[in-house]
Each structure stands twice: as structure tokens, then as C-alpha cells.
Amino acid sequence: MIFKKDNFIFGLSLGFIAPMIGFLVYKLVKFKALSLSEMFQWLKMNPNLITVFISVSLMANAILFTIYVNGRRDKTAKGIFIMTMIYAVIALAFKYW
């Protein structure tokens, strides 16, 4: 089962993919009428929404991180955490620069 694997590289991979899935789920729920390119244009016009998208996207990593920490899969959890920090730094850079 996927939740039993304890590997740092696997954690980095999960931490890379989960925010993208969270982003797409939020897009499908909140902005289902817009195409992906229209939604990105909407985000450019409303930069305050970037924070919402970042929060929802990184929530997917928080859920995975909690699952792996509670399952004592520390190497995988460490990979997820590091990728979450990388995403957060990139997101802050996009928001403020």
C-alpha cells in the first residue's frame, strides 16, 4: 500500500504532486466555468486569490504529512515537509515579486 512506504525520495515526489492535485481540485470546485488559462488570467488580475490557492494546494501536503507522521514513516514525512517548504518559498516569491 502507498501509505506504508518509507522513503525520502518518495516523500519528495508526493510533496511535489499533492499540491498540484489540490490546486486542480480547488479549480474544479470553485472555478469550474473557467478554463485553466482563463483562471490564470483571473489570478493575475486578482493577486489576493493567489494566497487562497496556495493555502488549498499546500493543505494537500499537510494532510499527507499528517498521515505519514502518524504512521511513523518519518523519511517520507521529511520529504513531504521539505517539498512543502520549497513550494511555500516559491509561492511567496510569486506573491511579493
N, C-alpha and C. Protein backbone atom coordinates (compact mmCIF):
# COMPACT_ATOMS: atom_id res chain seq x y z
N MET A 1 0.84 -1.18 0.00
CA MET A 1 0.00 0.00 0.00
C MET A 1 0.88 1.25 0.00
N ILE A 2 0.42 2.30 -0.60
CA ILE A 2 1.21 3.52 -0.77
C ILE A 2 1.55 4.18 0.56
N PHE A 3 0.70 4.07 1.56
CA PHE A 3 0.94 4.74 2.83
C PHE A 3 1.94 4.00 3.72
N LYS A 4 2.39 2.82 3.32
CA LYS A 4 3.34 2.06 4.13
C LYS A 4 4.78 2.26 3.69
N LYS A 5 4.99 2.90 2.57
CA LYS A 5 6.33 3.10 2.06
C LYS A 5 7.03 4.21 2.84
N ASP A 6 8.28 4.00 3.22
CA ASP A 6 9.05 4.98 3.97
C ASP A 6 10.36 5.26 3.24
N ASN A 7 10.32 6.30 2.39
CA ASN A 7 11.46 6.63 1.56
C ASN A 7 11.47 8.13 1.33
N PHE A 8 12.63 8.76 1.49
CA PHE A 8 12.74 10.22 1.36
C PHE A 8 12.38 10.70 -0.05
N ILE A 9 12.90 10.03 -1.07
CA ILE A 9 12.62 10.42 -2.46
C ILE A 9 11.13 10.27 -2.77
N PHE A 10 10.53 9.22 -2.25
CA PHE A 10 9.09 9.03 -2.41
C PHE A 10 8.33 10.19 -1.77
N GLY A 11 8.79 10.63 -0.60
CA GLY A 11 8.17 11.78 0.06
C GLY A 11 8.30 13.05 -0.75
N LEU A 12 9.48 13.27 -1.35
CA LEU A 12 9.65 14.43 -2.22
C LEU A 12 8.69 14.37 -3.41
N SER A 13 8.53 13.18 -3.97
CA SER A 13 7.62 13.01 -5.11
C SER A 13 6.18 13.30 -4.71
N LEU A 14 5.76 12.73 -3.58
CA LEU A 14 4.40 13.00 -3.09
C LEU A 14 4.22 14.49 -2.79
N GLY A 15 5.21 15.08 -2.17
CA GLY A 15 5.15 16.50 -1.83
C GLY A 15 5.13 17.40 -3.05
N PHE A 16 5.67 16.92 -4.15
CA PHE A 16 5.65 17.68 -5.40
C PHE A 16 4.29 17.57 -6.09
N ILE A 17 3.70 16.38 -6.09
CA ILE A 17 2.46 16.12 -6.83
C ILE A 17 1.20 16.56 -6.08
N ALA A 18 1.16 16.36 -4.77
CA ALA A 18 -0.06 16.63 -4.00
C ALA A 18 -0.56 18.07 -4.12
N PRO A 19 0.30 19.10 -4.07
CA PRO A 19 -0.23 20.46 -4.23
C PRO A 19 -0.84 20.71 -5.60
N MET A 20 -0.30 20.07 -6.61
CA MET A 20 -0.89 20.21 -7.95
C MET A 20 -2.29 19.63 -7.98
N ILE A 21 -2.45 18.49 -7.36
CA ILE A 21 -3.77 17.86 -7.29
C ILE A 21 -4.72 18.73 -6.47
N GLY A 22 -4.24 19.25 -5.34
CA GLY A 22 -5.05 20.16 -4.53
C GLY A 22 -5.47 21.39 -5.31
N PHE A 23 -4.54 21.94 -6.10
CA PHE A 23 -4.83 23.10 -6.94
C PHE A 23 -5.92 22.78 -7.96
N LEU A 24 -5.79 21.64 -8.62
CA LEU A 24 -6.78 21.26 -9.63
C LEU A 24 -8.15 20.98 -9.02
N VAL A 25 -8.17 20.36 -7.86
CA VAL A 25 -9.45 20.09 -7.19
C VAL A 25 -10.13 21.42 -6.83
N TYR A 26 -9.36 22.35 -6.27
CA TYR A 26 -9.94 23.65 -5.92
C TYR A 26 -10.43 24.38 -7.16
N LYS A 27 -9.67 24.30 -8.25
CA LYS A 27 -10.08 24.92 -9.51
C LYS A 27 -11.38 24.32 -10.00
N LEU A 28 -11.50 22.99 -9.94
CA LEU A 28 -12.71 22.34 -10.42
C LEU A 28 -13.93 22.65 -9.55
N VAL A 29 -13.71 22.85 -8.27
CA VAL A 29 -14.83 23.14 -7.36
C VAL A 29 -15.23 24.60 -7.44
N LYS A 30 -14.27 25.50 -7.39
CA LYS A 30 -14.56 26.93 -7.26
C LYS A 30 -14.67 27.64 -8.61
N PHE A 31 -13.89 27.22 -9.59
CA PHE A 31 -13.83 27.91 -10.88
C PHE A 31 -14.14 26.95 -12.03
N LYS A 32 -15.15 26.14 -11.88
CA LYS A 32 -15.43 25.13 -12.90
C LYS A 32 -15.85 25.73 -14.24
N ALA A 33 -16.37 26.96 -14.25
CA ALA A 33 -16.80 27.58 -15.50
C ALA A 33 -15.62 28.11 -16.31
N LEU A 34 -14.47 28.31 -15.68
CA LEU A 34 -13.31 28.88 -16.37
C LEU A 34 -12.37 27.78 -16.84
N SER A 35 -11.74 28.04 -17.98
CA SER A 35 -10.67 27.13 -18.40
C SER A 35 -9.44 27.41 -17.55
N LEU A 36 -8.44 26.57 -17.67
CA LEU A 36 -7.23 26.74 -16.88
C LEU A 36 -6.52 28.06 -17.24
N SER A 37 -6.45 28.39 -18.52
CA SER A 37 -5.79 29.64 -18.93
C SER A 37 -6.60 30.85 -18.47
N GLU A 38 -7.93 30.78 -18.53
CA GLU A 38 -8.76 31.88 -18.04
C GLU A 38 -8.59 32.06 -16.53
N MET A 39 -8.46 30.95 -15.83
CA MET A 39 -8.29 31.03 -14.39
C MET A 39 -6.95 31.70 -14.04
N PHE A 40 -5.89 31.38 -14.77
CA PHE A 40 -4.60 32.02 -14.53
C PHE A 40 -4.66 33.51 -14.83
N GLN A 41 -5.41 33.91 -15.86
CA GLN A 41 -5.60 35.33 -16.14
C GLN A 41 -6.36 35.99 -15.00
N TRP A 42 -7.35 35.30 -14.46
CA TRP A 42 -8.12 35.81 -13.33
C TRP A 42 -7.21 35.99 -12.11
N LEU A 43 -6.31 35.05 -11.90
CA LEU A 43 -5.36 35.18 -10.79
C LEU A 43 -4.41 36.36 -10.98
N LYS A 44 -4.01 36.63 -12.21
CA LYS A 44 -3.15 37.78 -12.47
C LYS A 44 -3.87 39.09 -12.15
N MET A 45 -5.16 39.13 -12.44
CA MET A 45 -5.94 40.34 -12.17
C MET A 45 -6.29 40.48 -10.69
N ASN A 46 -6.37 39.38 -9.97
CA ASN A 46 -6.73 39.36 -8.55
C ASN A 46 -5.65 38.64 -7.75
N PRO A 47 -4.55 39.31 -7.47
CA PRO A 47 -3.44 38.63 -6.79
C PRO A 47 -3.79 38.17 -5.37
N ASN A 48 -4.83 38.69 -4.77
CA ASN A 48 -5.23 38.23 -3.43
C ASN A 48 -5.68 36.78 -3.46
N LEU A 49 -6.17 36.31 -4.60
CA LEU A 49 -6.60 34.92 -4.72
C LEU A 49 -5.43 33.94 -4.72
N ILE A 50 -4.24 34.43 -5.00
CA ILE A 50 -3.07 33.56 -5.01
C ILE A 50 -2.87 32.92 -3.64
N THR A 51 -3.08 33.70 -2.60
CA THR A 51 -2.93 33.18 -1.24
C THR A 51 -3.90 32.04 -0.97
N VAL A 52 -5.13 32.18 -1.47
CA VAL A 52 -6.13 31.13 -1.29
C VAL A 52 -5.70 29.86 -2.00
N PHE A 53 -5.25 29.99 -3.23
CA PHE A 53 -4.82 28.83 -3.99
C PHE A 53 -3.60 28.16 -3.35
N ILE A 54 -2.68 28.96 -2.85
CA ILE A 54 -1.50 28.41 -2.20
C ILE A 54 -1.92 27.62 -0.96
N SER A 55 -2.81 28.20 -0.18
CA SER A 55 -3.26 27.54 1.06
C SER A 55 -3.93 26.21 0.76
N VAL A 56 -4.83 26.21 -0.20
CA VAL A 56 -5.54 24.98 -0.55
C VAL A 56 -4.58 23.95 -1.13
N SER A 57 -3.66 24.39 -1.97
CA SER A 57 -2.71 23.46 -2.57
C SER A 57 -1.81 22.83 -1.51
N LEU A 58 -1.32 23.62 -0.59
CA LEU A 58 -0.43 23.09 0.43
C LEU A 58 -1.17 22.32 1.51
N MET A 59 -2.49 22.49 1.58
CA MET A 59 -3.29 21.69 2.51
C MET A 59 -3.20 20.20 2.14
N ALA A 60 -3.09 19.91 0.86
CA ALA A 60 -2.93 18.52 0.42
C ALA A 60 -1.64 17.94 1.01
N ASN A 61 -0.57 18.73 1.04
CA ASN A 61 0.68 18.26 1.64
C ASN A 61 0.54 18.11 3.14
N ALA A 62 -0.19 19.01 3.78
CA ALA A 62 -0.39 18.91 5.23
C ALA A 62 -1.12 17.62 5.59
N ILE A 63 -2.10 17.25 4.79
CA ILE A 63 -2.83 16.00 5.04
C ILE A 63 -1.91 14.80 4.88
N LEU A 64 -1.15 14.78 3.79
CA LEU A 64 -0.21 13.67 3.58
C LEU A 64 0.84 13.62 4.68
N PHE A 65 1.37 14.77 5.06
CA PHE A 65 2.38 14.83 6.10
C PHE A 65 1.84 14.24 7.40
N THR A 66 0.62 14.60 7.76
CA THR A 66 -0.01 14.08 8.98
C THR A 66 -0.18 12.57 8.91
N ILE A 67 -0.61 12.08 7.77
CA ILE A 67 -0.79 10.63 7.61
C ILE A 67 0.53 9.90 7.82
N TYR A 68 1.60 10.40 7.22
CA TYR A 68 2.88 9.72 7.31
C TYR A 68 3.54 9.88 8.68
N VAL A 69 3.36 11.01 9.33
CA VAL A 69 3.91 11.18 10.68
C VAL A 69 3.19 10.25 11.64
N ASN A 70 1.87 10.21 11.56
CA ASN A 70 1.11 9.33 12.44
C ASN A 70 1.40 7.85 12.18
N GLY A 71 1.76 7.53 10.95
CA GLY A 71 2.13 6.15 10.61
C GLY A 71 3.59 5.84 10.88
N ARG A 72 4.31 6.79 11.46
CA ARG A 72 5.72 6.65 11.80
C ARG A 72 6.59 6.35 10.57
N ARG A 73 6.22 6.96 9.47
CA ARG A 73 7.02 6.87 8.23
C ARG A 73 7.78 8.20 8.10
N ASP A 74 8.81 8.34 8.92
CA ASP A 74 9.47 9.63 9.08
C ASP A 74 10.26 10.09 7.85
N LYS A 75 10.84 9.18 7.12
CA LYS A 75 11.61 9.57 5.93
C LYS A 75 10.68 10.17 4.87
N THR A 76 9.56 9.52 4.65
CA THR A 76 8.59 10.04 3.68
C THR A 76 8.04 11.37 4.15
N ALA A 77 7.71 11.47 5.44
CA ALA A 77 7.19 12.72 6.00
C ALA A 77 8.21 13.85 5.84
N LYS A 78 9.48 13.54 6.02
CA LYS A 78 10.53 14.55 5.87
C LYS A 78 10.58 15.05 4.43
N GLY A 79 10.45 14.16 3.46
CA GLY A 79 10.43 14.56 2.06
C GLY A 79 9.24 15.45 1.74
N ILE A 80 8.08 15.11 2.27
CA ILE A 80 6.87 15.92 2.06
C ILE A 80 7.06 17.30 2.68
N PHE A 81 7.62 17.34 3.89
CA PHE A 81 7.83 18.61 4.57
C PHE A 81 8.80 19.51 3.81
N ILE A 82 9.89 18.95 3.32
CA ILE A 82 10.87 19.75 2.58
C ILE A 82 10.26 20.30 1.30
N MET A 83 9.49 19.48 0.60
CA MET A 83 8.84 19.95 -0.62
C MET A 83 7.80 21.03 -0.31
N THR A 84 7.13 20.91 0.82
CA THR A 84 6.16 21.93 1.23
C THR A 84 6.88 23.26 1.46
N MET A 85 8.04 23.22 2.10
CA MET A 85 8.80 24.45 2.33
C MET A 85 9.27 25.06 1.00
N ILE A 86 9.68 24.24 0.07
CA ILE A 86 10.10 24.74 -1.24
C ILE A 86 8.93 25.41 -1.95
N TYR A 87 7.76 24.75 -1.94
CA TYR A 87 6.56 25.35 -2.53
C TYR A 87 6.23 26.68 -1.85
N ALA A 88 6.33 26.73 -0.53
CA ALA A 88 5.98 27.95 0.20
C ALA A 88 6.91 29.10 -0.19
N VAL A 89 8.20 28.83 -0.30
CA VAL A 89 9.16 29.88 -0.69
C VAL A 89 8.87 30.36 -2.11
N ILE A 90 8.61 29.45 -3.02
CA ILE A 90 8.29 29.82 -4.40
C ILE A 90 6.99 30.63 -4.44
N ALA A 91 6.00 30.21 -3.68
CA ALA A 91 4.72 30.92 -3.65
C ALA A 91 4.89 32.34 -3.11
N LEU A 92 5.68 32.49 -2.07
CA LEU A 92 5.93 33.83 -1.53
C LEU A 92 6.67 34.69 -2.55
N ALA A 93 7.59 34.09 -3.27
CA ALA A 93 8.31 34.84 -4.30
C ALA A 93 7.36 35.32 -5.38
N PHE A 94 6.43 34.48 -5.80
CA PHE A 94 5.45 34.89 -6.82
C PHE A 94 4.55 35.99 -6.29
N LYS A 95 4.19 35.89 -5.04
CA LYS A 95 3.25 36.86 -4.47
C LYS A 95 3.87 38.23 -4.28
N TYR A 96 5.13 38.30 -3.85
CA TYR A 96 5.72 39.57 -3.49
C TYR A 96 6.70 40.15 -4.51
N TRP A 97 7.08 39.38 -5.55
CA TRP A 97 7.99 39.92 -6.54
C TRP A 97 7.42 39.90 -7.89
